């Protein structure tokens, strides 16, 4: 069994990877759609320090499943269709996390199938690595599902603003200044746990099956 400190230690790489590629995906798609803001802000990088949000990262380590990163600055006025462009940018982050979760699961299954003796030196390397990959699956699923909650400024809220009729979209957009307060209240009230955790467990069962 792993102590809490050991579990937190093996969480560091999966958390940094999930946060970095989530925000990098937002910036990369925005850049491809014509907005140079992420590139000029130095956010098209795999340096996790550029993407970390202190509170969001602490939430990751406290919940071990959900959290958030520092939003990438985007100027939708550079897009040919600002509303549609923001939808694609918003979807990029959760999509990147789902791909990472799938990749972690694939590597876990491949490594777990290798005939390695539990007492060998390789086992001492593989066991923490396998745990890290397992956590990578959970963290990336958690980040993806948490971010599709339809509350601005989360990605789900951005998508909602982009697909709703203009008047309704403006009403949803006005919620953004209070978005994180609403999310904190939802987390404290247990609503996020009731909605998100079952989705994470379902995703883990699909990707890892009985190997979890």
Protein backbone atom coordinates (compact mmCIF):
# COMPACT_ATOMS: atom_id res chain seq x y z
CA UNK A 1 0.00 0.00 0.00
CA UNK A 2 1.13 3.54 -0.70
CA UNK A 3 1.17 6.28 1.93
CA UNK A 4 -0.63 9.56 1.27
CA UNK A 5 2.72 11.26 0.58
CA UNK A 6 3.68 8.58 -1.96
CA UNK A 7 0.28 8.88 -3.66
CA UNK A 8 0.64 12.65 -3.90
CA UNK A 9 4.17 12.23 -5.29
CA UNK A 10 3.05 9.94 -8.12
CA UNK A 11 0.20 12.37 -8.86
CA UNK A 12 2.55 15.23 -9.74
CA UNK A 13 3.43 14.11 -13.28
CA UNK A 14 -0.15 13.14 -14.28
CA UNK A 15 -1.54 16.42 -12.92
CA UNK A 16 1.10 18.54 -14.65
CA UNK A 17 0.62 16.63 -17.90
CA UNK A 18 -3.18 16.90 -17.81
CA UNK A 19 -3.15 20.63 -17.06
CA UNK A 20 -0.42 21.43 -19.59
CA UNK A 21 -1.94 19.62 -22.55
CA UNK A 22 -5.45 20.84 -21.73
CA UNK A 23 -4.40 24.48 -21.96
CA UNK A 24 -1.93 23.87 -24.79
CA UNK A 25 -4.78 22.37 -26.82
CA UNK A 26 -6.88 25.50 -26.28
CA UNK A 27 -4.01 27.71 -27.37
CA UNK A 28 -3.03 25.56 -30.34
CA UNK A 29 -6.56 25.48 -31.77
CA UNK A 30 -6.97 29.24 -31.25
CA UNK A 31 -3.64 29.81 -33.01
CA UNK A 32 -4.70 27.58 -35.91
CA UNK A 33 -7.95 29.53 -36.22
CA UNK A 34 -6.04 32.81 -36.57
CA UNK A 35 -5.64 34.16 -33.04
CA UNK A 36 -1.96 34.87 -32.19
CA UNK A 37 -2.77 35.81 -28.57
CA UNK A 38 -1.82 32.45 -26.98
CA UNK A 39 1.47 32.38 -28.90
CA UNK A 40 2.29 35.99 -28.02
CA UNK A 41 1.45 35.25 -24.37
CA UNK A 42 3.91 32.36 -24.29
CA UNK A 43 1.20 29.76 -23.75
CA UNK A 44 2.01 27.49 -26.70
CA UNK A 45 4.47 25.61 -24.53
CA UNK A 46 4.75 22.31 -22.67
CA UNK A 47 6.21 24.15 -19.66
CA UNK A 48 3.61 23.37 -16.96
CA UNK A 49 4.55 26.44 -14.90
CA UNK A 50 3.01 28.61 -17.64
CA UNK A 51 -0.35 26.88 -17.23
CA UNK A 52 -0.72 26.14 -13.50
CA UNK A 53 -3.38 27.81 -11.40
CA UNK A 54 -2.50 27.58 -7.69
CA UNK A 55 -6.04 27.06 -6.40
CA UNK A 56 -7.01 24.70 -9.22
CA UNK A 57 -3.88 22.61 -8.66
CA UNK A 58 -4.54 22.39 -4.91
CA UNK A 59 -8.07 21.20 -5.67
CA UNK A 60 -6.55 18.46 -7.85
CA UNK A 61 -4.46 17.17 -4.96
CA UNK A 62 -7.31 17.47 -2.46
CA UNK A 63 -9.97 15.75 -4.57
CA UNK A 64 -7.52 13.59 -6.58
CA UNK A 65 -9.90 13.81 -9.52
CA UNK A 66 -10.93 17.36 -10.46
CA UNK A 67 -9.36 20.81 -10.73
CA UNK A 68 -8.51 23.52 -13.25
CA UNK A 69 -5.65 25.47 -14.82
CA UNK A 70 -4.87 29.09 -15.69
CA UNK A 71 -7.04 30.02 -18.70
CA UNK A 72 -5.22 30.70 -21.96
CA UNK A 73 -5.88 34.28 -23.17
CA UNK A 74 -8.00 34.14 -26.32
CA UNK A 75 -9.23 36.99 -28.54
CA UNK A 76 -12.15 35.58 -30.57
CA UNK A 77 -12.24 38.72 -32.74
CA UNK A 78 -9.36 37.15 -34.69
CA UNK A 79 -11.58 34.22 -35.71
CA UNK A 80 -13.51 34.23 -38.96
CA UNK A 81 -16.60 33.23 -36.94
CA UNK A 82 -15.96 34.23 -33.29
CA UNK A 83 -18.77 32.17 -31.77
CA UNK A 84 -18.00 29.00 -33.70
CA UNK A 85 -14.28 29.52 -33.15
CA UNK A 86 -14.75 29.68 -29.38
CA UNK A 87 -16.73 26.43 -29.47
CA UNK A 88 -13.82 24.65 -31.17
CA UNK A 89 -11.31 26.21 -28.79
CA UNK A 90 -13.39 25.18 -25.78
CA UNK A 91 -13.80 21.60 -26.99
CA UNK A 92 -10.06 21.25 -27.59
CA UNK A 93 -9.14 21.10 -23.89
CA UNK A 94 -11.44 18.26 -22.79
CA UNK A 95 -10.70 16.42 -26.04
CA UNK A 96 -6.97 16.55 -25.29
CA UNK A 97 -7.61 15.10 -21.83
CA UNK A 98 -9.74 12.27 -23.21
CA UNK A 99 -6.93 11.43 -25.64
CA UNK A 100 -4.38 11.51 -22.81
CA UNK A 101 -6.60 9.29 -20.65
CA UNK A 102 -6.86 6.81 -23.52
CA UNK A 103 -3.08 6.92 -24.06
CA UNK A 104 -2.39 6.32 -20.36
CA UNK A 105 -4.80 3.38 -20.36
CA UNK A 106 -3.16 1.88 -23.46
CA UNK A 107 0.31 2.14 -21.91
CA UNK A 108 -0.96 0.73 -18.62
CA UNK A 109 -2.50 -2.29 -20.32
CA UNK A 110 0.66 -2.87 -22.37
CA UNK A 111 3.01 -2.66 -19.38
CA UNK A 112 0.72 -4.63 -17.06
CA UNK A 113 0.76 -7.53 -19.52
CA UNK A 114 4.56 -7.90 -19.35
CA UNK A 115 5.82 -10.95 -17.41
CA UNK A 116 7.78 -9.17 -14.68
CA UNK A 117 8.56 -10.84 -11.36
CA UNK A 118 7.24 -8.93 -8.35
CA UNK A 119 10.62 -9.28 -6.65
CA UNK A 120 12.71 -8.06 -9.59
CA UNK A 121 14.38 -4.66 -9.93
CA UNK A 122 12.11 -3.82 -12.87
CA UNK A 123 9.08 -4.26 -10.63
CA UNK A 124 10.33 -1.44 -8.41
CA UNK A 125 10.26 0.83 -11.46
CA UNK A 126 7.11 -0.54 -13.07
CA UNK A 127 4.85 -0.48 -10.01
CA UNK A 128 5.11 3.33 -9.47
CA UNK A 129 4.89 3.83 -13.25
CA UNK A 130 1.72 1.74 -13.47
CA UNK A 131 0.22 3.66 -10.57
CA UNK A 132 1.14 6.92 -12.30
CA UNK A 133 -0.57 5.77 -15.50
CA UNK A 134 -3.69 4.74 -13.55
CA UNK A 135 -3.80 8.14 -11.91
CA UNK A 136 -3.25 9.71 -15.34
CA UNK A 137 -6.43 8.03 -16.57
CA UNK A 138 -8.45 9.31 -13.60
CA UNK A 139 -7.01 12.85 -13.60
CA UNK A 140 -7.53 13.35 -17.33
CA UNK A 141 -11.07 12.00 -17.21
CA UNK A 142 -11.76 14.23 -14.21
CA UNK A 143 -10.39 17.33 -15.92
CA UNK A 144 -12.33 16.58 -19.11
CA UNK A 145 -15.67 15.94 -17.38
CA UNK A 146 -15.29 18.78 -14.87
CA UNK A 147 -14.61 21.25 -17.66
CA UNK A 148 -17.71 20.31 -19.64
CA UNK A 149 -19.94 21.54 -16.80
CA UNK A 150 -22.02 24.21 -18.59
CA UNK A 151 -20.99 27.11 -16.34
CA UNK A 152 -18.75 29.87 -17.73
CA UNK A 153 -15.78 30.19 -17.66
CA UNK A 154 -15.48 26.39 -17.91
CA UNK A 155 -15.32 24.90 -21.39
CA UNK A 156 -18.88 23.61 -21.20
CA UNK A 157 -20.06 27.15 -20.52
CA UNK A 158 -18.08 28.45 -23.50
CA UNK A 159 -19.67 25.81 -25.74
CA UNK A 160 -23.12 26.73 -24.42
CA UNK A 161 -22.53 30.41 -25.19
CA UNK A 162 -21.37 29.46 -28.69
CA UNK A 163 -24.34 27.29 -29.64
CA UNK A 164 -27.29 29.05 -27.97
CA UNK A 165 -29.30 31.76 -29.75
CA UNK A 166 -27.62 35.11 -29.25
CA UNK A 167 -29.95 36.50 -26.55
CA UNK A 168 -29.79 33.33 -24.45
CA UNK A 169 -26.03 33.15 -25.02
CA UNK A 170 -25.63 36.67 -23.62
CA UNK A 171 -27.63 35.68 -20.54
CA UNK A 172 -25.32 32.70 -19.93
CA UNK A 173 -22.20 34.82 -20.59
CA UNK A 174 -23.26 37.26 -17.86
CA UNK A 175 -22.79 34.44 -15.33
CA UNK A 176 -19.03 34.29 -16.01
CA UNK A 177 -17.90 36.80 -13.31
CA UNK A 178 -19.61 34.57 -10.74
CA UNK A 179 -18.70 31.27 -12.40
CA UNK A 180 -16.01 30.09 -10.00
CA UNK A 181 -18.10 31.06 -6.97
CA UNK A 182 -20.93 28.95 -8.38
CA UNK A 183 -18.53 26.05 -8.97
CA UNK A 184 -17.14 26.25 -5.43
CA UNK A 185 -20.69 26.17 -4.06
CA UNK A 186 -21.49 23.17 -6.27
CA UNK A 187 -18.35 21.37 -5.07
CA UNK A 188 -19.05 22.13 -1.39
CA UNK A 189 -22.69 21.06 -1.78
CA UNK A 190 -21.58 17.75 -3.28
CA UNK A 191 -23.32 18.34 -6.60
CA UNK A 192 -20.11 18.00 -8.62
CA UNK A 193 -19.27 14.76 -6.83
CA UNK A 194 -22.70 13.29 -7.61
CA UNK A 195 -22.50 14.24 -11.29
CA UNK A 196 -18.80 13.97 -12.18
CA UNK A 197 -17.54 11.02 -10.13
CA UNK A 198 -19.91 8.48 -11.74
CA UNK A 199 -18.73 9.65 -15.17
CA UNK A 200 -15.11 9.20 -14.10
CA UNK A 201 -15.83 5.70 -12.76
CA UNK A 202 -17.60 4.80 -16.01
CA UNK A 203 -14.66 6.08 -18.06
CA UNK A 204 -12.20 4.12 -15.92
CA UNK A 205 -14.23 0.92 -16.38
CA UNK A 206 -14.31 1.44 -20.14
CA UNK A 207 -10.58 2.20 -20.44
CA UNK A 208 -9.13 -0.12 -17.80
CA UNK A 209 -11.85 -2.70 -17.24
CA UNK A 210 -10.97 -5.02 -14.37
CA UNK A 211 -7.38 -3.75 -14.22
CA UNK A 212 -8.29 -0.82 -11.93
